[in-house]
PDB file of all heavy atoms in Angstrom:
ATOM      1  N   ALA A   1     -16.116  -9.313  15.812  1.00  0.00           N
ATOM      2  CA  ALA A   1     -15.721  -7.944  15.407  1.00  0.00           C
ATOM      3  C   ALA A   1     -14.658  -7.435  16.368  1.00  0.00           C
ATOM      4  O   ALA A   1     -13.724  -6.739  15.983  1.00  0.00           O
ATOM      5  CB  ALA A   1     -16.916  -7.020  15.396  1.00  0.00           C
ATOM      6  N   ILE A   2     -14.827  -7.702  17.656  1.00  0.00           N
ATOM      7  CA  ILE A   2     -13.836  -7.226  18.649  1.00  0.00           C
ATOM      8  C   ILE A   2     -12.485  -7.887  18.416  1.00  0.00           C
ATOM      9  O   ILE A   2     -11.461  -7.207  18.447  1.00  0.00           O
ATOM     10  CB  ILE A   2     -14.354  -7.515  20.067  1.00  0.00           C
ATOM     11  CG1 ILE A   2     -15.540  -6.603  20.372  1.00  0.00           C
ATOM     12  CG2 ILE A   2     -13.268  -7.285  21.109  1.00  0.00           C
ATOM     13  CD1 ILE A   2     -16.304  -6.936  21.645  1.00  0.00           C
ATOM     14  N   VAL A   3     -12.478  -9.192  18.136  1.00  0.00           N
ATOM     15  CA  VAL A   3     -11.202  -9.870  17.812  1.00  0.00           C
ATOM     16  C   VAL A   3     -10.610  -9.263  16.536  1.00  0.00           C
ATOM     17  O   VAL A   3      -9.393  -9.071  16.445  1.00  0.00           O
ATOM     18  CB  VAL A   3     -11.444 -11.382  17.672  1.00  0.00           C
ATOM     19  CG1 VAL A   3     -10.205 -12.055  17.089  1.00  0.00           C
ATOM     20  CG2 VAL A   3     -11.822 -11.985  18.999  1.00  0.00           C
ATOM     21  N   ALA A   4     -11.464  -8.930  15.571  1.00  0.00           N
ATOM     22  CA  ALA A   4     -10.989  -8.392  14.311  1.00  0.00           C
ATOM     23  C   ALA A   4     -10.343  -7.038  14.460  1.00  0.00           C
ATOM     24  O   ALA A   4      -9.455  -6.667  13.682  1.00  0.00           O
ATOM     25  CB  ALA A   4     -12.155  -8.308  13.280  1.00  0.00           C
ATOM     26  N   ILE A   5     -10.747  -6.245  15.455  1.00  0.00           N
ATOM     27  CA  ILE A   5     -10.076  -4.953  15.728  1.00  0.00           C
ATOM     28  C   ILE A   5      -8.596  -5.211  16.001  1.00  0.00           C
ATOM     29  O   ILE A   5      -7.732  -4.498  15.485  1.00  0.00           O
ATOM     30  CB  ILE A   5     -10.777  -4.213  16.912  1.00  0.00           C
ATOM     31  CG1 ILE A   5     -12.137  -3.763  16.529  1.00  0.00           C
ATOM     32  CG2 ILE A   5      -9.897  -3.034  17.351  1.00  0.00           C
ATOM     33  CD1 ILE A   5     -12.978  -3.267  17.690  1.00  0.00           C
ATOM     34  N   GLY A   6      -8.327  -6.198  16.815  1.00  0.00           N
ATOM     35  CA  GLY A   6      -6.933  -6.521  17.125  1.00  0.00           C
ATOM     36  C   GLY A   6      -6.146  -7.006  15.899  1.00  0.00           C
ATOM     37  O   GLY A   6      -5.011  -6.646  15.691  1.00  0.00           O
ATOM     38  N   ILE A   7      -6.803  -7.804  15.070  1.00  0.00           N
ATOM     39  CA  ILE A   7      -6.169  -8.311  13.854  1.00  0.00           C
ATOM     40  C   ILE A   7      -5.827  -7.149  12.925  1.00  0.00           C
ATOM     41  O   ILE A   7      -4.736  -7.053  12.349  1.00  0.00           O
ATOM     42  CB  ILE A   7      -7.041  -9.347  13.154  1.00  0.00           C
ATOM     43  CG1 ILE A   7      -7.160 -10.614  14.003  1.00  0.00           C
ATOM     44  CG2 ILE A   7      -6.539  -9.678  11.758  1.00  0.00           C
ATOM     45  CD1 ILE A   7      -8.208 -11.568  13.560  1.00  0.00           C
ATOM     46  N   THR A   8      -6.799  -6.253  12.758  1.00  0.00           N
ATOM     47  CA  THR A   8      -6.581  -5.078  11.910  1.00  0.00           C
ATOM     48  C   THR A   8      -5.485  -4.178  12.429  1.00  0.00           C
ATOM     49  O   THR A   8      -4.592  -3.758  11.688  1.00  0.00           O
ATOM     50  CB  THR A   8      -7.908  -4.301  11.723  1.00  0.00           C
ATOM     51  OG1 THR A   8      -8.903  -5.221  11.189  1.00  0.00           O
ATOM     52  CG2 THR A   8      -7.748  -3.162  10.777  1.00  0.00           C
ATOM     53  N   ALA A   9      -5.537  -3.878  13.701  1.00  0.00           N
ATOM     54  CA  ALA A   9      -4.491  -3.008  14.324  1.00  0.00           C
ATOM     55  C   ALA A   9      -3.135  -3.681  14.205  1.00  0.00           C
ATOM     56  O   ALA A   9      -2.136  -2.990  13.982  1.00  0.00           O
ATOM     57  CB  ALA A   9      -4.829  -2.722  15.766  1.00  0.00           C
ATOM     58  N   ASP A  10      -3.093  -4.987  14.325  1.00  0.00           N
ATOM     59  CA  ASP A  10      -1.816  -5.725  14.213  1.00  0.00           C
ATOM     60  C   ASP A  10      -1.192  -5.503  12.807  1.00  0.00           C
ATOM     61  O   ASP A  10       0.042  -5.347  12.701  1.00  0.00           O
ATOM     62  CB  ASP A  10      -2.047  -7.204  14.453  1.00  0.00           C
ATOM     63  CG  ASP A  10      -0.765  -7.996  14.382  1.00  0.00           C
ATOM     64  OD1 ASP A  10       0.190  -7.637  15.153  1.00  0.00           O
ATOM     65  OD2 ASP A  10      -0.693  -8.951  13.630  1.00  0.00           O
ATOM     66  N   SER A  11      -2.011  -5.434  11.786  1.00  0.00           N
ATOM     67  CA  SER A  11      -1.487  -5.229  10.435  1.00  0.00           C
ATOM     68  C   SER A  11      -0.802  -3.874  10.326  1.00  0.00           C
ATOM     69  O   SER A  11       0.318  -3.780   9.737  1.00  0.00           O
ATOM     70  CB  SER A  11      -2.619  -5.287   9.401  1.00  0.00           C
ATOM     71  OG  SER A  11      -3.156  -6.584   9.342  1.00  0.00           O
ATOM     72  N   PHE A  12      -1.376  -2.862  10.922  1.00  0.00           N
ATOM     73  CA  PHE A  12      -0.763  -1.524  10.881  1.00  0.00           C
ATOM     74  C   PHE A  12       0.559  -1.492  11.694  1.00  0.00           C
ATOM     75  O   PHE A  12       1.527  -0.912  11.258  1.00  0.00           O
ATOM     76  CB  PHE A  12      -1.691  -0.451  11.420  1.00  0.00           C
ATOM     77  CG  PHE A  12      -3.049  -0.507  10.794  1.00  0.00           C
ATOM     78  CD1 PHE A  12      -4.187  -0.347  11.580  1.00  0.00           C
ATOM     79  CD2 PHE A  12      -3.234  -0.711   9.453  1.00  0.00           C
ATOM     80  CE1 PHE A  12      -5.433  -0.381  11.034  1.00  0.00           C
ATOM     81  CE2 PHE A  12      -4.477  -0.768   8.885  1.00  0.00           C
ATOM     82  CZ  PHE A  12      -5.600  -0.605   9.670  1.00  0.00           C
ATOM     83  N   ILE A  13       0.506  -2.110  12.849  1.00  0.00           N
ATOM     84  CA  ILE A  13       1.694  -2.119  13.708  1.00  0.00           C
ATOM     85  C   ILE A  13       2.835  -2.834  13.035  1.00  0.00           C
ATOM     86  O   ILE A  13       3.995  -2.386  13.078  1.00  0.00           O
ATOM     87  CB  ILE A  13       1.329  -2.744  15.070  1.00  0.00           C
ATOM     88  CG1 ILE A  13       0.411  -1.783  15.841  1.00  0.00           C
ATOM     89  CG2 ILE A  13       2.598  -3.047  15.881  1.00  0.00           C
ATOM     90  CD1 ILE A  13      -0.230  -2.342  17.086  1.00  0.00           C
ATOM     91  N   VAL A  14       2.579  -3.956  12.377  1.00  0.00           N
ATOM     92  CA  VAL A  14       3.624  -4.688  11.660  1.00  0.00           C
ATOM     93  C   VAL A  14       4.260  -3.793  10.600  1.00  0.00           C
ATOM     94  O   VAL A  14       5.487  -3.668  10.530  1.00  0.00           O
ATOM     95  CB  VAL A  14       3.086  -5.986  11.032  1.00  0.00           C
ATOM     96  CG1 VAL A  14       4.038  -6.563  10.042  1.00  0.00           C
ATOM     97  CG2 VAL A  14       2.745  -7.011  12.107  1.00  0.00           C
ATOM     98  N   TYR A  15       3.417  -3.113   9.794  1.00  0.00           N
ATOM     99  CA  TYR A  15       3.952  -2.236   8.771  1.00  0.00           C
ATOM    100  C   TYR A  15       4.710  -1.060   9.355  1.00  0.00           C
ATOM    101  O   TYR A  15       5.832  -0.768   8.911  1.00  0.00           O
ATOM    102  CB  TYR A  15       2.792  -1.749   7.900  1.00  0.00           C
ATOM    103  CG  TYR A  15       3.174  -0.820   6.763  1.00  0.00           C
ATOM    104  CD1 TYR A  15       4.439  -0.909   6.143  1.00  0.00           C
ATOM    105  CD2 TYR A  15       2.300   0.127   6.258  1.00  0.00           C
ATOM    106  CE1 TYR A  15       4.795  -0.048   5.114  1.00  0.00           C
ATOM    107  CE2 TYR A  15       2.640   0.962   5.208  1.00  0.00           C
ATOM    108  CZ  TYR A  15       3.888   0.864   4.662  1.00  0.00           C
ATOM    109  OH  TYR A  15       4.241   1.703   3.618  1.00  0.00           O
ATOM    110  N   PHE A  16       4.161  -0.421  10.351  1.00  0.00           N
ATOM    111  CA  PHE A  16       4.805   0.765  10.920  1.00  0.00           C
ATOM    112  C   PHE A  16       6.134   0.397  11.599  1.00  0.00           C
ATOM    113  O   PHE A  16       7.095   1.143  11.535  1.00  0.00           O
ATOM    114  CB  PHE A  16       3.890   1.470  11.914  1.00  0.00           C
ATOM    115  CG  PHE A  16       2.624   1.997  11.282  1.00  0.00           C
ATOM    116  CD1 PHE A  16       1.543   2.303  12.073  1.00  0.00           C
ATOM    117  CD2 PHE A  16       2.519   2.193   9.927  1.00  0.00           C
ATOM    118  CE1 PHE A  16       0.381   2.806  11.514  1.00  0.00           C
ATOM    119  CE2 PHE A  16       1.342   2.684   9.347  1.00  0.00           C
ATOM    120  CZ  PHE A  16       0.273   2.988  10.156  1.00  0.00           C
ATOM    121  N   GLU A  17       6.217  -0.731  12.249  1.00  0.00           N
ATOM    122  CA  GLU A  17       7.449  -1.145  12.881  1.00  0.00           C
ATOM    123  C   GLU A  17       8.503  -1.515  11.825  1.00  0.00           C
ATOM    124  O   GLU A  17       9.682  -1.239  12.002  1.00  0.00           O
ATOM    125  CB  GLU A  17       7.231  -2.302  13.851  1.00  0.00           C
ATOM    126  CG  GLU A  17       6.498  -1.894  15.110  1.00  0.00           C
ATOM    127  CD  GLU A  17       7.209  -0.768  15.869  1.00  0.00           C
ATOM    128  OE1 GLU A  17       8.453  -0.830  16.043  1.00  0.00           O
ATOM    129  OE2 GLU A  17       6.508   0.155  16.333  1.00  0.00           O
ATOM    130  N   ARG A  18       8.111  -2.124  10.743  1.00  0.00           N
ATOM    131  CA  ARG A  18       9.033  -2.404   9.648  1.00  0.00           C
ATOM    132  C   ARG A  18       9.537  -1.100   9.037  1.00  0.00           C
ATOM    133  O   ARG A  18      10.744  -0.980   8.733  1.00  0.00           O
ATOM    134  CB  ARG A  18       8.363  -3.260   8.520  1.00  0.00           C
ATOM    135  CG  ARG A  18       7.964  -4.596   8.980  1.00  0.00           C
ATOM    136  CD  ARG A  18       9.154  -5.497   9.195  1.00  0.00           C
ATOM    137  NE  ARG A  18       8.702  -6.874   9.379  1.00  0.00           N
ATOM    138  CZ  ARG A  18       9.456  -7.842   9.721  1.00  0.00           C
ATOM    139  NH1 ARG A  18      10.747  -7.650   9.917  1.00  0.00           N
ATOM    140  NH2 ARG A  18       9.005  -9.040   9.906  1.00  0.00           N
ATOM    141  N   LEU A  19       8.646  -0.142   8.909  1.00  0.00           N
ATOM    142  CA  LEU A  19       9.061   1.191   8.381  1.00  0.00           C
ATOM    143  C   LEU A  19      10.081   1.845   9.321  1.00  0.00           C
ATOM    144  O   LEU A  19      11.075   2.356   8.887  1.00  0.00           O
ATOM    145  CB  LEU A  19       7.806   2.084   8.221  1.00  0.00           C
ATOM    146  CG  LEU A  19       8.023   3.400   7.543  1.00  0.00           C
ATOM    147  CD1 LEU A  19       6.829   3.698   6.672  1.00  0.00           C
ATOM    148  CD2 LEU A  19       8.231   4.511   8.497  1.00  0.00           C
ATOM    149  N   ARG A  20       9.799   1.749  10.609  1.00  0.00           N
ATOM    150  CA  ARG A  20      10.735   2.296  11.619  1.00  0.00           C
ATOM    151  C   ARG A  20      12.088   1.598  11.527  1.00  0.00           C
ATOM    152  O   ARG A  20      13.123   2.265  11.650  1.00  0.00           O
ATOM    153  CB  ARG A  20      10.176   2.128  13.022  1.00  0.00           C
ATOM    154  CG  ARG A  20       9.092   3.111  13.349  1.00  0.00           C
ATOM    155  CD  ARG A  20       8.529   2.771  14.701  1.00  0.00           C
ATOM    156  NE  ARG A  20       8.199   4.006  15.393  1.00  0.00           N
ATOM    157  CZ  ARG A  20       7.835   4.048  16.629  1.00  0.00           C
ATOM    158  NH1 ARG A  20       7.765   2.961  17.351  1.00  0.00           N
ATOM    159  NH2 ARG A  20       7.549   5.221  17.190  1.00  0.00           N
ATOM    160  N   ASP A  21      12.069   0.264  11.365  1.00  0.00           N
ATOM    161  CA  ASP A  21      13.353  -0.458  11.257  1.00  0.00           C
ATOM    162  C   ASP A  21      14.154   0.052  10.048  1.00  0.00           C
ATOM    163  O   ASP A  21      15.373   0.221  10.151  1.00  0.00           O
ATOM    164  CB  ASP A  21      13.085  -1.974  11.089  1.00  0.00           C
ATOM    165  CG  ASP A  21      12.568  -2.630  12.359  1.00  0.00           C
ATOM    166  OD1 ASP A  21      12.656  -2.009  13.429  1.00  0.00           O
ATOM    167  OD2 ASP A  21      12.038  -3.741  12.248  1.00  0.00           O
ATOM    168  N   GLU A  22      13.478   0.272   8.950  1.00  0.00           N
ATOM    169  CA  GLU A  22      14.170   0.738   7.756  1.00  0.00           C
ATOM    170  C   GLU A  22      14.743   2.150   7.990  1.00  0.00           C
ATOM    171  O   GLU A  22      15.854   2.444   7.569  1.00  0.00           O
ATOM    172  CB  GLU A  22      13.198   0.761   6.557  1.00  0.00           C
ATOM    173  CG  GLU A  22      12.676  -0.594   6.146  1.00  0.00           C
ATOM    174  CD  GLU A  22      13.758  -1.500   5.597  1.00  0.00           C
ATOM    175  OE1 GLU A  22      14.702  -1.017   4.944  1.00  0.00           O
ATOM    176  OE2 GLU A  22      13.639  -2.726   5.835  1.00  0.00           O
ATOM    177  N   LEU A  23      13.994   2.988   8.674  1.00  0.00           N
ATOM    178  CA  LEU A  23      14.483   4.336   8.995  1.00  0.00           C
ATOM    179  C   LEU A  23      15.677   4.274   9.930  1.00  0.00           C
ATOM    180  O   LEU A  23      16.651   5.017   9.764  1.00  0.00           O
ATOM    181  CB  LEU A  23      13.389   5.196   9.589  1.00  0.00           C
ATOM    182  CG  LEU A  23      12.306   5.665   8.602  1.00  0.00           C
ATOM    183  CD1 LEU A  23      11.138   6.297   9.379  1.00  0.00           C
ATOM    184  CD2 LEU A  23      12.874   6.639   7.599  1.00  0.00           C
ATOM    185  N   ARG A  24      15.633   3.394  10.892  1.00  0.00           N
ATOM    186  CA  ARG A  24      16.731   3.248  11.842  1.00  0.00           C
ATOM    187  C   ARG A  24      17.987   2.736  11.126  1.00  0.00           C
ATOM    188  O   ARG A  24      19.105   2.990  11.558  1.00  0.00           O
ATOM    189  CB  ARG A  24      16.357   2.281  12.975  1.00  0.00           C
ATOM    190  CG  ARG A  24      15.466   2.928  13.986  1.00  0.00           C
ATOM    191  CD  ARG A  24      15.212   1.985  15.173  1.00  0.00           C
ATOM    192  NE  ARG A  24      14.110   2.478  15.953  1.00  0.00           N
ATOM    193  CZ  ARG A  24      12.897   1.933  16.024  1.00  0.00           C
ATOM    194  NH1 ARG A  24      12.640   0.835  15.336  1.00  0.00           N
ATOM    195  NH2 ARG A  24      11.962   2.486  16.763  1.00  0.00           N
ATOM    196  N   ASP A  25      17.776   1.987  10.025  1.00  0.00           N
ATOM    197  CA  ASP A  25      18.907   1.498   9.251  1.00  0.00           C
ATOM    198  C   ASP A  25      19.503   2.586   8.340  1.00  0.00           C
ATOM    199  O   ASP A  25      20.432   2.328   7.583  1.00  0.00           O
ATOM    200  CB  ASP A  25      18.507   0.290   8.418  1.00  0.00           C
ATOM    201  CG  ASP A  25      18.289  -0.957   9.259  1.00  0.00           C
ATOM    202  OD1 ASP A  25      18.750  -0.974  10.424  1.00  0.00           O
ATOM    203  OD2 ASP A  25      17.657  -1.903   8.768  1.00  0.00           O
ATOM    204  N   GLY A  26      18.898   3.780   8.387  1.00  0.00           N
ATOM    205  CA  GLY A  26      19.457   4.892   7.658  1.00  0.00           C
ATOM    206  C   GLY A  26      18.825   5.200   6.288  1.00  0.00           C
ATOM    207  O   GLY A  26      19.294   6.066   5.566  1.00  0.00           O
ATOM    208  N   LYS A  27      17.743   4.484   5.961  1.00  0.00           N
ATOM    209  CA  LYS A  27      17.080   4.761   4.665  1.00  0.00           C
ATOM    210  C   LYS A  27      16.263   6.043   4.762  1.00  0.00           C
ATOM    211  O   LYS A  27      15.811   6.445   5.813  1.00  0.00           O
ATOM    212  CB  LYS A  27      16.187   3.587   4.294  1.00  0.00           C
ATOM    213  CG  LYS A  27      16.937   2.350   3.925  1.00  0.00           C
ATOM    214  CD  LYS A  27      16.059   1.314   3.317  1.00  0.00           C
ATOM    215  CE  LYS A  27      16.917   0.179   2.849  1.00  0.00           C
ATOM    216  NZ  LYS A  27      16.464  -1.136   3.227  1.00  0.00           N
ATOM    217  N   ARG A  28      16.084   6.663   3.589  1.00  0.00           N
ATOM    218  CA  ARG A  28      15.229   7.839   3.517  1.00  0.00           C
ATOM    219  C   ARG A  28      13.792   7.381   3.640  1.00  0.00           C
ATOM    220  O   ARG A  28      13.452   6.212   3.379  1.00  0.00           O
ATOM    221  CB  ARG A  28      15.458   8.582   2.212  1.00  0.00           C
ATOM    222  CG  ARG A  28      16.928   8.888   2.023  1.00  0.00           C
ATOM    223  CD  ARG A  28      17.355  10.228   1.526  1.00  0.00           C
ATOM    224  NE  ARG A  28      16.463  11.290   1.338  1.00  0.00           N
ATOM    225  CZ  ARG A  28      16.413  12.317   2.177  1.00  0.00           C
ATOM    226  NH1 ARG A  28      17.152  12.377   3.241  1.00  0.00           N
ATOM    227  NH2 ARG A  28      15.583  13.342   1.915  1.00  0.00           N
ATOM    228  N   LEU A  29      12.910   8.300   4.010  1.00  0.00           N
ATOM    229  CA  LEU A  29      11.511   7.955   4.284  1.00  0.00           C
ATOM    230  C   LEU A  29      10.808   7.263   3.126  1.00  0.00           C
ATOM    231  O   LEU A  29      10.118   6.255   3.323  1.00  0.00           O
ATOM    232  CB  LEU A  29      10.740   9.221   4.722  1.00  0.00           C
ATOM    233  CG  LEU A  29       9.285   8.987   5.107  1.00  0.00           C
ATOM    234  CD1 LEU A  29       9.176   8.011   6.234  1.00  0.00           C
ATOM    235  CD2 LEU A  29       8.671  10.331   5.481  1.00  0.00           C
ATOM    236  N   ARG A  30      10.936   7.779   1.962  1.00  0.00           N
ATOM    237  CA  ARG A  30      10.240   7.193   0.797  1.00  0.00           C
ATOM    238  C   ARG A  30      10.715   5.759   0.551  1.00  0.00           C
ATOM    239  O   ARG A  30       9.916   4.848   0.344  1.00  0.00           O
ATOM    240  CB  ARG A  30      10.475   8.005  -0.458  1.00  0.00           C
ATOM    241  CG  ARG A  30       9.498   7.738  -1.558  1.00  0.00           C
ATOM    242  CD  ARG A  30       9.720   8.608  -2.763  1.00  0.00           C
ATOM    243  NE  ARG A  30       9.558  10.027  -2.403  1.00  0.00           N
ATOM    244  CZ  ARG A  30       9.720  11.011  -3.248  1.00  0.00           C
ATOM    245  NH1 ARG A  30      10.042  10.751  -4.489  1.00  0.00           N
ATOM    246  NH2 ARG A  30       9.571  12.265  -2.871  1.00  0.00           N
ATOM    247  N   SER A  31      12.014   5.534   0.615  1.00  0.00           N
ATOM    248  CA  SER A  31      12.565   4.218   0.446  1.00  0.00           C
ATOM    249  C   SER A  31      12.192   3.297   1.599  1.00  0.00           C
ATOM    250  O   SER A  31      11.837   2.141   1.396  1.00  0.00           O
ATOM    251  CB  SER A  31      14.094   4.311   0.309  1.00  0.00           C
ATOM    252  OG  SER A  31      14.658   3.044   0.256  1.00  0.00           O
ATOM    253  N   ALA A  32      12.190   3.822   2.818  1.00  0.00           N
ATOM    254  CA  ALA A  32      11.826   3.063   3.993  1.00  0.00           C
ATOM    255  C   ALA A  32      10.369   2.618   3.932  1.00  0.00           C
ATOM    256  O   ALA A  32      10.051   1.482   4.321  1.00  0.00           O
ATOM    257  CB  ALA A  32      12.068   3.869   5.250  1.00  0.00           C
ATOM    258  N   ALA A  33       9.490   3.479   3.432  1.00  0.00           N
ATOM    259  CA  ALA A  33       8.079   3.112   3.331  1.00  0.00           C
ATOM    260  C   ALA A  33       7.871   1.971   2.355  1.00  0.00           C
ATOM    261  O   ALA A  33       7.091   1.057   2.596  1.00  0.00           O
ATOM    262  CB  ALA A  33       7.267   4.351   2.915  1.00  0.00           C
ATOM    263  N   GLU A  34       8.609   2.026   1.245  1.00  0.00           N
ATOM    264  CA  GLU A  34       8.474   0.950   0.245  1.00  0.00           C
ATOM    265  C   GLU A  34       9.110  -0.370   0.731  1.00  0.00           C
ATOM    266  O   GLU A  34       8.493  -1.402   0.638  1.00  0.00           O
ATOM    267  CB  GLU A  34       9.134   1.368  -1.076  1.00  0.00           C
ATOM    268  CG  GLU A  34       8.882   0.439  -2.204  1.00  0.00           C
ATOM    269  CD  GLU A  34       7.418   0.277  -2.581  1.00  0.00           C
ATOM    270  OE1 GLU A  34       6.695   1.295  -2.609  1.00  0.00           O
ATOM    271  OE2 GLU A  34       6.973  -0.879  -2.811  1.00  0.00           O
ATOM    272  N   HIS A  35      10.331  -0.296   1.253  1.00  0.00           N
ATOM    273  CA  HIS A  35      10.979  -1.515   1.734  1.00  0.00           C
ATOM    274  C   HIS A  35      10.267  -2.056   2.972  1.00  0.00           C
ATOM    275  O   HIS A  35      10.179  -3.279   3.153  1.00  0.00           O
ATOM    276  CB  HIS A  35      12.449  -1.208   2.058  1.00  0.00           C
ATOM    277  CG  HIS A  35      13.286  -1.093   0.841  1.00  0.00           C
ATOM    278  ND1 HIS A  35      13.584   0.103   0.269  1.00  0.00           N
ATOM    279  CD2 HIS A  35      13.869  -2.041   0.056  1.00  0.00           C
ATOM    280  CE1 HIS A  35      14.318  -0.075  -0.794  1.00  0.00           C
ATOM    281  NE2 HIS A  35      14.501  -1.368  -0.958  1.00  0.00           N
ATOM    282  N   GLY A  36       9.785  -1.170   3.818  1.00  0.00           N
ATOM    283  CA  GLY A  36       9.034  -1.615   5.001  1.00  0.00           C
ATOM    284  C   GLY A  36       7.796  -2.377   4.586  1.00  0.00           C
ATOM    285  O   GLY A  36       7.449  -3.403   5.225  1.00  0.00           O
ATOM    286  N   TRP A  37       7.116  -1.898   3.555  1.00  0.00           N
ATOM    287  CA  TRP A  37       5.897  -2.608   3.089  1.00  0.00           C
ATOM    288  C   TRP A  37       6.264  -3.960   2.521  1.00  0.00           C
ATOM    289  O   TRP A  37       5.605  -4.947   2.790  1.00  0.00           O
ATOM    290  CB  TRP A  37       5.177  -1.796   2.030  1.00  0.00           C
ATOM    291  CG  TRP A  37       4.041  -2.557   1.440  1.00  0.00           C
ATOM    292  CD1 TRP A  37       3.987  -3.159   0.207  1.00  0.00           C
ATOM    293  CD2 TRP A  37       2.804  -2.916   2.089  1.00  0.00           C
ATOM    294  NE1 TRP A  37       2.806  -3.793   0.036  1.00  0.00           N
ATOM    295  CE2 TRP A  37       2.056  -3.689   1.170  1.00  0.00           C
ATOM    296  CE3 TRP A  37       2.276  -2.633   3.334  1.00  0.00           C
ATOM    297  CZ2 TRP A  37       0.800  -4.177   1.486  1.00  0.00           C
ATOM    298  CZ3 TRP A  37       1.019  -3.132   3.643  1.00  0.00           C
ATOM    299  CH2 TRP A  37       0.298  -3.886   2.733  1.00  0.00           C
ATOM    300  N   GLU A  38       7.370  -4.032   1.754  1.00  0.00           N
ATOM    301  CA  GLU A  38       7.782  -5.311   1.211  1.00  0.00           C
ATOM    302  C   GLU A  38       8.051  -6.333   2.286  1.00  0.00           C
ATOM    303  O   GLU A  38       7.679  -7.512   2.147  1.00  0.00           O
ATOM    304  CB  GLU A  38       9.029  -5.137   0.323  1.00  0.00           C
ATOM    305  CG  GLU A  38       8.820  -4.316  -0.929  1.00  0.00           C
ATOM    306  CD  GLU A  38       7.779  -4.946  -1.853  1.00  0.00           C
ATOM    307  OE1 GLU A  38       7.749  -6.163  -2.004  1.00  0.00           O
ATOM    308  OE2 GLU A  38       6.986  -4.175  -2.395  1.00  0.00           O
ATOM    309  N   ARG A  39       8.654  -5.907   3.402  1.00  0.00           N
ATOM    310  CA  ARG A  39       8.942  -6.793   4.507  1.00  0.00           C
ATOM    311  C   ARG A  39       7.703  -7.139   5.296  1.00  0.00           C
ATOM    312  O   ARG A  39       7.541  -8.262   5.753  1.00  0.00           O
ATOM    313  CB  ARG A  39      10.005  -6.204   5.394  1.00  0.00           C
ATOM    314  CG  ARG A  39      11.377  -6.141   4.718  1.00  0.00           C
ATOM    315  CD  ARG A  39      12.407  -5.490   5.567  1.00  0.00           C
ATOM    316  NE  ARG A  39      12.612  -6.212   6.835  1.00  0.00           N
ATOM    317  CZ  ARG A  39      13.097  -5.661   7.936  1.00  0.00           C
ATOM    318  NH1 ARG A  39      13.503  -4.401   7.921  1.00  0.00           N
ATOM    319  NH2 ARG A  39      13.260  -6.364   9.015  1.00  0.00           N
ATOM    320  N   ALA A  40       6.798  -6.157   5.453  1.00  0.00           N
ATOM    321  CA  ALA A  40       5.595  -6.379   6.300  1.00  0.00           C
ATOM    322  C   ALA A  40       4.506  -7.117   5.555  1.00  0.00           C
ATOM    323  O   ALA A  40       3.702  -7.842   6.188  1.00  0.00           O
ATOM    324  CB  ALA A  40       5.073  -5.011   6.750  1.00  0.00           C
ATOM    325  N   ARG A  41       4.457  -6.996   4.241  1.00  0.00           N
ATOM    326  CA  ARG A  41       3.371  -7.571   3.455  1.00  0.00           C
ATOM    327  C   ARG A  41       3.245  -9.083   3.671  1.00  0.00           C
ATOM    328  O   ARG A  41       2.133  -9.582   3.880  1.00  0.00           O
ATOM    329  CB  ARG A  41       3.630  -7.289   1.972  1.00  0.00           C
ATOM    330  CG  ARG A  41       2.537  -7.819   1.059  1.00  0.00           C
ATOM    331  CD  ARG A  41       2.802  -7.564  -0.361  1.00  0.00           C
ATOM    332  NE  ARG A  41       4.073  -8.199  -0.728  1.00  0.00           N
ATOM    333  CZ  ARG A  41       4.795  -7.867  -1.773  1.00  0.00           C
ATOM    334  NH1 ARG A  41       4.404  -6.896  -2.574  1.00  0.00           N
ATOM    335  NH2 ARG A  41       5.936  -8.506  -2.026  1.00  0.00           N
ATOM    336  N   ARG A  42       4.349  -9.786   3.691  1.00  0.00           N
ATOM    337  CA  ARG A  42       4.294 -11.232   3.892  1.00  0.00           C
ATOM    338  C   ARG A  42       3.746 -11.597   5.268  1.00  0.00           C
ATOM    339  O   ARG A  42       2.990 -12.506   5.434  1.00  0.00           O
ATOM    340  CB  ARG A  42       5.667 -11.852   3.697  1.00  0.00           C
ATOM    341  CG  ARG A  42       6.072 -11.889   2.232  1.00  0.00           C
ATOM    342  CD  ARG A  42       7.478 -12.361   2.075  1.00  0.00           C
ATOM    343  NE  ARG A  42       8.299 -11.186   2.480  1.00  0.00           N
ATOM    344  CZ  ARG A  42       9.581 -11.114   2.429  1.00  0.00           C
ATOM    345  NH1 ARG A  42      10.275 -12.169   2.068  1.00  0.00           N
ATOM    346  NH2 ARG A  42      10.225 -10.055   2.784  1.00  0.00           N
ATOM    347  N   THR A  43       4.186 -10.822   6.278  1.00  0.00           N
ATOM    348  CA  THR A  43       3.719 -11.073   7.656  1.00  0.00           C
ATOM    349  C   THR A  43       2.232 -10.791   7.747  1.00  0.00           C
ATOM    350  O   THR A  43       1.483 -11.568   8.359  1.00  0.00           O
ATOM    351  CB  THR A  43       4.517 -10.194   8.652  1.00  0.00           C
ATOM    352  OG1 THR A  43       5.893 -10.468   8.475  1.00  0.00           O
ATOM    353  CG2 THR A  43       4.105 -10.528  10.075  1.00  0.00           C
ATOM    354  N   ILE A  44       1.804  -9.677   7.196  1.00  0.00           N
ATOM    355  CA  ILE A  44       0.385  -9.330   7.253  1.00  0.00           C
ATOM    356  C   ILE A  44      -0.464 -10.373   6.546  1.00  0.00           C
ATOM    357  O   ILE A  44      -1.470 -10.849   7.049  1.00  0.00           O
ATOM    358  CB  ILE A  44       0.135  -7.939   6.621  1.00  0.00           C
ATOM    359  CG1 ILE A  44       0.755  -6.853   7.519  1.00  0.00           C
ATOM    360  CG2 ILE A  44      -1.354  -7.663   6.413  1.00  0.00           C
ATOM    361  CD1 ILE A  44       0.854  -5.477   6.865  1.00  0.00           C
TER     362      ILE A  44
END
């Protein structure tokens, strides 16, 4: 369970960092959330 906490948190971090990357690239928030998920989904 302790190891799984890290795995679960890692999934959120991957998605949130992809979302941030999209925002830094100049996308609007709604578009960044969708594109960020598309990029993060495979990694997760």
